[in-house]
N, C-alpha and C. Protein backbone atom coordinates (compact mmCIF):
# COMPACT_ATOMS: atom_id res chain seq x y z
N MET A 1 58.18 -7.15 52.88
CA MET A 1 56.71 -7.13 52.42
C MET A 1 56.89 -7.71 51.10
N ARG A 2 55.89 -8.70 50.91
CA ARG A 2 55.53 -9.58 49.70
C ARG A 2 55.17 -8.83 48.67
N GLU A 3 55.54 -9.21 47.43
CA GLU A 3 55.32 -8.26 46.03
C GLU A 3 53.63 -8.43 46.14
N SER A 4 52.92 -9.36 46.58
CA SER A 4 51.31 -9.19 46.33
C SER A 4 50.77 -8.03 47.17
N GLU A 5 51.46 -7.91 48.42
CA GLU A 5 51.18 -6.52 49.31
C GLU A 5 51.51 -5.36 48.69
N ILE A 6 52.81 -5.46 47.84
CA ILE A 6 52.77 -4.16 47.48
C ILE A 6 51.86 -4.01 45.95
N GLN A 7 51.45 -4.92 45.47
CA GLN A 7 50.65 -4.86 44.34
C GLN A 7 49.03 -4.32 44.80
N LYS A 8 48.83 -4.83 45.88
CA LYS A 8 47.25 -4.49 46.43
C LYS A 8 47.62 -3.02 46.82
N GLN A 9 48.67 -2.41 47.35
CA GLN A 9 48.58 -1.23 47.63
C GLN A 9 48.92 -0.17 46.44
N ILE A 10 49.52 -0.57 45.28
CA ILE A 10 49.61 -0.03 44.18
C ILE A 10 48.32 0.08 43.36
N ILE A 11 47.61 -0.95 43.31
CA ILE A 11 46.02 -0.80 42.87
C ILE A 11 45.38 -0.18 43.51
N GLU A 12 45.66 0.15 44.87
CA GLU A 12 44.59 0.97 45.63
C GLU A 12 45.29 2.59 45.09
N THR A 13 46.15 2.84 44.97
CA THR A 13 46.88 4.15 44.90
C THR A 13 46.61 4.59 43.64
N LEU A 14 46.84 3.87 42.45
CA LEU A 14 46.43 4.01 40.98
C LEU A 14 44.93 4.39 41.15
N ASN A 15 44.33 3.59 41.34
CA ASN A 15 42.75 3.74 41.44
C ASN A 15 42.19 4.93 42.09
N ALA A 16 42.74 5.29 42.96
CA ALA A 16 42.56 6.85 43.97
C ALA A 16 43.04 7.97 43.15
N ASN A 17 43.90 7.81 42.30
CA ASN A 17 44.72 9.07 41.63
C ASN A 17 44.46 8.86 40.16
N GLY A 18 43.30 8.85 39.72
CA GLY A 18 43.20 9.10 38.19
C GLY A 18 43.29 7.83 37.14
N CYS A 19 43.21 6.51 37.78
CA CYS A 19 43.51 5.49 36.93
C CYS A 19 42.11 4.44 37.31
N LYS A 20 42.04 3.61 36.48
CA LYS A 20 41.24 2.49 36.96
C LYS A 20 42.07 1.14 36.61
N VAL A 21 42.57 0.62 37.57
CA VAL A 21 43.47 -0.92 37.27
C VAL A 21 43.12 -1.92 37.79
N TRP A 22 43.57 -2.96 37.46
CA TRP A 22 43.28 -4.47 37.84
C TRP A 22 44.45 -5.34 37.91
N ARG A 23 44.41 -6.10 38.45
CA ARG A 23 45.46 -7.28 38.68
C ARG A 23 45.45 -8.27 37.52
N ALA A 24 46.53 -8.61 36.92
CA ALA A 24 46.56 -9.30 35.95
C ALA A 24 47.09 -10.83 36.31
N ASN A 25 46.29 -11.91 35.46
CA ASN A 25 46.79 -13.13 35.65
C ASN A 25 47.13 -13.63 34.48
N ALA A 26 48.52 -13.87 34.53
CA ALA A 26 49.24 -14.48 33.51
C ALA A 26 49.76 -16.03 33.81
N GLY A 27 49.74 -16.61 32.40
CA GLY A 27 50.31 -17.89 32.69
C GLY A 27 49.05 -19.10 32.45
N THR A 28 49.21 -20.02 32.90
CA THR A 28 48.14 -20.94 33.02
C THR A 28 47.68 -21.66 34.46
N VAL A 29 46.52 -22.05 34.25
CA VAL A 29 45.99 -22.71 35.61
C VAL A 29 45.25 -24.03 35.18
N ARG A 30 45.20 -25.01 36.05
CA ARG A 30 44.69 -26.18 36.06
C ARG A 30 43.31 -25.95 36.93
N VAL A 31 42.32 -26.44 36.42
CA VAL A 31 40.89 -26.31 36.87
C VAL A 31 39.86 -27.68 36.55
N GLY A 32 39.96 -28.57 37.42
CA GLY A 32 39.05 -29.49 37.08
C GLY A 32 39.75 -30.74 36.24
N GLY A 33 40.98 -30.45 36.09
CA GLY A 33 41.53 -31.49 35.07
C GLY A 33 41.71 -30.74 33.74
N ARG A 34 41.48 -29.50 33.43
CA ARG A 34 41.53 -28.77 32.25
C ARG A 34 42.67 -27.82 32.45
N THR A 35 43.36 -27.48 31.70
CA THR A 35 44.26 -26.52 31.62
C THR A 35 43.67 -25.16 30.90
N ILE A 36 43.83 -23.92 31.33
CA ILE A 36 43.26 -22.66 31.31
C ILE A 36 44.22 -21.74 30.84
N LYS A 37 44.49 -21.06 29.73
CA LYS A 37 45.49 -20.24 29.52
C LYS A 37 45.03 -18.73 29.65
N LEU A 38 45.67 -18.08 30.39
CA LEU A 38 45.31 -16.75 30.79
C LEU A 38 46.33 -15.71 30.03
N LEU A 39 46.40 -14.67 30.74
CA LEU A 39 47.13 -13.52 29.77
C LEU A 39 48.74 -14.21 29.50
N PRO A 40 49.38 -13.83 28.42
CA PRO A 40 50.76 -14.30 28.09
C PRO A 40 51.53 -13.93 29.36
N LYS A 41 52.58 -15.09 29.45
CA LYS A 41 53.62 -15.11 30.25
C LYS A 41 54.35 -13.79 30.29
N GLY A 42 54.56 -13.17 31.22
CA GLY A 42 55.36 -11.85 31.38
C GLY A 42 54.80 -10.59 31.40
N PHE A 43 53.16 -10.76 30.86
CA PHE A 43 52.27 -9.72 31.07
C PHE A 43 52.49 -8.91 32.27
N PRO A 44 52.24 -7.47 32.49
CA PRO A 44 52.44 -6.82 33.58
C PRO A 44 51.64 -7.06 34.64
N ASP A 45 51.92 -7.00 35.79
CA ASP A 45 51.10 -7.45 36.98
C ASP A 45 49.84 -6.68 37.12
N VAL A 46 49.80 -5.54 36.57
CA VAL A 46 48.81 -4.17 36.93
C VAL A 46 48.17 -3.69 35.54
N PHE A 47 47.32 -3.73 35.16
CA PHE A 47 46.78 -2.92 33.80
C PHE A 47 45.53 -2.29 34.09
N GLY A 48 45.31 -1.06 33.16
CA GLY A 48 44.36 -0.67 33.14
C GLY A 48 44.39 0.80 32.16
N VAL A 49 43.19 1.67 32.86
CA VAL A 49 43.31 2.94 31.80
C VAL A 49 43.52 4.27 32.81
N ARG A 50 44.21 5.02 32.20
CA ARG A 50 44.36 6.70 32.65
C ARG A 50 43.15 7.18 32.52
N LEU A 51 42.40 7.67 33.44
CA LEU A 51 41.02 8.35 33.01
C LEU A 51 41.05 9.47 32.40
N THR A 52 41.92 10.34 32.54
CA THR A 52 42.29 11.68 32.15
C THR A 52 42.04 11.53 30.58
N ASP A 53 42.81 10.64 29.94
CA ASP A 53 42.72 10.54 28.53
C ASP A 53 42.72 9.19 27.81
N GLY A 54 42.16 8.37 28.78
CA GLY A 54 41.90 7.06 28.27
C GLY A 54 43.19 6.20 27.67
N LYS A 55 44.31 6.49 28.04
CA LYS A 55 45.61 5.87 27.58
C LYS A 55 45.57 4.43 28.52
N PHE A 56 46.38 3.50 28.05
CA PHE A 56 46.56 2.24 28.54
C PHE A 56 47.73 2.21 29.35
N VAL A 57 47.61 1.74 30.68
CA VAL A 57 48.59 1.77 31.67
C VAL A 57 48.98 0.22 32.02
N ALA A 58 50.48 0.05 32.22
CA ALA A 58 50.68 -1.23 32.72
C ALA A 58 51.84 -1.32 33.29
N VAL A 59 51.82 -1.77 34.54
CA VAL A 59 53.00 -1.59 35.61
C VAL A 59 53.39 -3.21 36.05
N GLU A 60 54.58 -3.18 36.00
CA GLU A 60 55.18 -4.55 36.44
C GLU A 60 55.80 -4.13 37.82
N ILE A 61 55.22 -5.01 38.84
CA ILE A 61 55.59 -4.89 40.15
C ILE A 61 56.95 -5.77 40.48
N LYS A 62 57.77 -5.22 41.45
CA LYS A 62 58.76 -6.12 41.78
C LYS A 62 59.29 -5.52 43.24
N LYS A 63 59.60 -6.58 43.78
CA LYS A 63 60.00 -6.17 45.50
C LYS A 63 61.71 -5.46 45.07
N PRO A 64 62.22 -4.79 46.01
CA PRO A 64 63.32 -4.03 45.62
C PRO A 64 64.41 -4.84 45.02
N LYS A 65 64.78 -6.19 45.54
CA LYS A 65 65.54 -6.92 44.56
C LYS A 65 65.18 -7.51 43.45
N GLY A 66 63.80 -7.54 43.06
CA GLY A 66 63.45 -8.53 42.23
C GLY A 66 63.94 -8.05 40.75
N ARG A 67 63.87 -9.53 40.06
CA ARG A 67 64.55 -9.29 38.82
C ARG A 67 63.50 -9.35 37.69
N VAL A 68 63.37 -9.01 36.58
CA VAL A 68 62.78 -8.83 35.64
C VAL A 68 63.13 -10.02 34.43
N SER A 69 62.13 -10.93 34.19
CA SER A 69 62.12 -11.81 33.25
C SER A 69 62.29 -11.54 32.03
N ASP A 70 62.87 -12.34 30.97
CA ASP A 70 63.06 -12.15 29.48
C ASP A 70 61.50 -11.64 29.07
N GLU A 71 60.56 -12.78 29.45
CA GLU A 71 59.36 -12.29 29.09
C GLU A 71 58.61 -11.07 29.04
N GLN A 72 58.85 -10.46 30.60
CA GLN A 72 58.46 -9.26 31.04
C GLN A 72 59.47 -8.18 30.01
N VAL A 73 60.72 -8.48 29.62
CA VAL A 73 61.42 -7.50 28.91
C VAL A 73 61.01 -7.27 27.81
N LYS A 74 60.26 -8.54 26.97
CA LYS A 74 59.49 -8.33 25.58
C LYS A 74 58.55 -7.51 25.69
N PHE A 75 57.66 -7.85 26.81
CA PHE A 75 56.16 -6.60 27.00
C PHE A 75 56.87 -5.33 27.11
N ARG A 76 58.17 -5.20 27.83
CA ARG A 76 58.34 -3.76 28.03
C ARG A 76 58.85 -3.09 26.81
N ASP A 77 59.47 -3.86 25.90
CA ASP A 77 59.94 -3.25 24.64
C ASP A 77 58.82 -3.25 23.85
N PHE A 78 57.65 -4.18 23.55
CA PHE A 78 56.68 -3.84 23.10
C PHE A 78 55.97 -2.36 23.56
N PHE A 79 56.01 -2.28 24.93
CA PHE A 79 55.01 -1.29 25.11
C PHE A 79 55.81 0.39 24.74
N LYS A 80 57.09 0.20 24.82
CA LYS A 80 57.82 1.28 24.49
C LYS A 80 57.75 1.54 23.11
N LYS A 81 57.66 0.83 22.42
CA LYS A 81 57.70 0.67 20.73
C LYS A 81 56.34 1.38 20.31
N HIS A 82 55.49 1.20 21.32
CA HIS A 82 53.93 1.78 20.93
C HIS A 82 53.58 2.71 21.82
N ASN A 83 54.45 3.35 22.17
CA ASN A 83 54.15 4.59 23.39
C ASN A 83 52.89 4.30 24.74
N VAL A 84 53.13 3.13 24.85
CA VAL A 84 52.21 2.76 26.18
C VAL A 84 52.70 3.13 27.35
N ILE A 85 52.12 3.43 28.36
CA ILE A 85 52.46 4.05 29.72
C ILE A 85 52.79 2.62 30.47
N HIS A 86 54.03 2.80 30.71
CA HIS A 86 54.35 1.67 31.42
C HIS A 86 55.81 1.67 32.31
N GLY A 87 55.97 0.71 33.07
CA GLY A 87 57.22 0.87 33.97
C GLY A 87 57.11 -0.14 34.97
N ILE A 88 58.32 -0.23 35.61
CA ILE A 88 58.30 -1.01 36.87
C ILE A 88 58.37 -0.19 38.03
N ALA A 89 57.67 -0.94 39.10
CA ALA A 89 57.41 -0.06 40.44
C ALA A 89 57.72 -1.15 41.51
N HIS A 90 58.23 -0.59 42.45
CA HIS A 90 58.58 -0.90 43.55
C HIS A 90 57.93 -0.52 44.78
N SER A 91 57.29 0.20 44.47
CA SER A 91 56.08 0.99 45.72
C SER A 91 54.97 1.81 44.73
N PRO A 92 53.84 2.10 45.71
CA PRO A 92 52.77 2.83 45.05
C PRO A 92 53.23 4.14 44.59
N GLU A 93 54.20 5.00 45.37
CA GLU A 93 54.86 6.30 44.82
C GLU A 93 55.38 5.99 43.53
N GLU A 94 56.01 4.95 43.25
CA GLU A 94 56.78 4.79 42.02
C GLU A 94 55.97 4.44 40.71
N ALA A 95 54.77 3.67 41.29
CA ALA A 95 53.67 3.29 40.19
C ALA A 95 53.19 4.75 39.90
N LEU A 96 52.91 5.71 40.77
CA LEU A 96 52.05 6.89 40.64
C LEU A 96 53.05 7.70 39.67
N GLU A 97 54.27 8.05 40.01
CA GLU A 97 55.11 8.66 39.11
C GLU A 97 55.31 8.17 37.46
N ILE A 98 55.22 6.61 37.51
CA ILE A 98 55.07 6.10 36.02
C ILE A 98 54.00 6.81 35.41
N VAL A 99 52.63 6.66 35.87
CA VAL A 99 51.45 7.37 35.27
C VAL A 99 51.53 9.04 35.22
N LYS A 100 52.10 9.65 36.37
CA LYS A 100 51.80 11.35 36.56
C LYS A 100 52.92 11.78 35.48
N GLU A 101 54.02 11.29 35.78
CA GLU A 101 55.52 11.86 34.76
C GLU A 101 55.06 11.68 33.23
N LYS A 102 54.57 10.70 32.96
CA LYS A 102 54.32 10.67 31.46
C LYS A 102 53.16 11.47 30.82
N MET A 103 52.21 11.85 31.91
CA MET A 103 51.36 12.90 31.81
C MET A 103 52.04 13.96 31.49
N LYS A 104 52.69 14.42 32.66
CA LYS A 104 53.20 15.86 32.74
C LYS A 104 54.40 16.03 31.88
N ASN A 105 54.83 15.17 31.21
CA ASN A 105 55.78 15.25 30.48
C ASN A 105 55.52 15.07 28.71
N GLY A 106 54.34 14.39 28.77
CA GLY A 106 53.76 14.36 27.50
C GLY A 106 54.66 13.24 26.63
N LYS A 107 55.01 12.27 27.48
CA LYS A 107 56.11 11.01 26.84
C LYS A 107 54.94 10.06 26.41
N ASP A 108 53.78 10.22 26.52
CA ASP A 108 53.00 8.98 25.75
C ASP A 108 53.25 8.86 24.70
């Protein structure tokens, strides 16, 4: 399964389970001869809000053997330092655990 398919499933699962999340576009694109900067390189694939408490949620999506880039590690460290709900998910179930586990254990 492609990462984009996993991402779609994760977005649907989180949105059906107490979150409102969106796909993030990071990096740059060229449109009509112009370069447009999007979110910074390494920004998590999915981001949004946990509706129960308004906490920011960020999920990096990887295929089973996918590797985390240096830029993604920097975002992970930043989020950890600031107690943001974040994690790496390989499936919708893992993404849901990231959000629910932090809620259950008060790890926010």
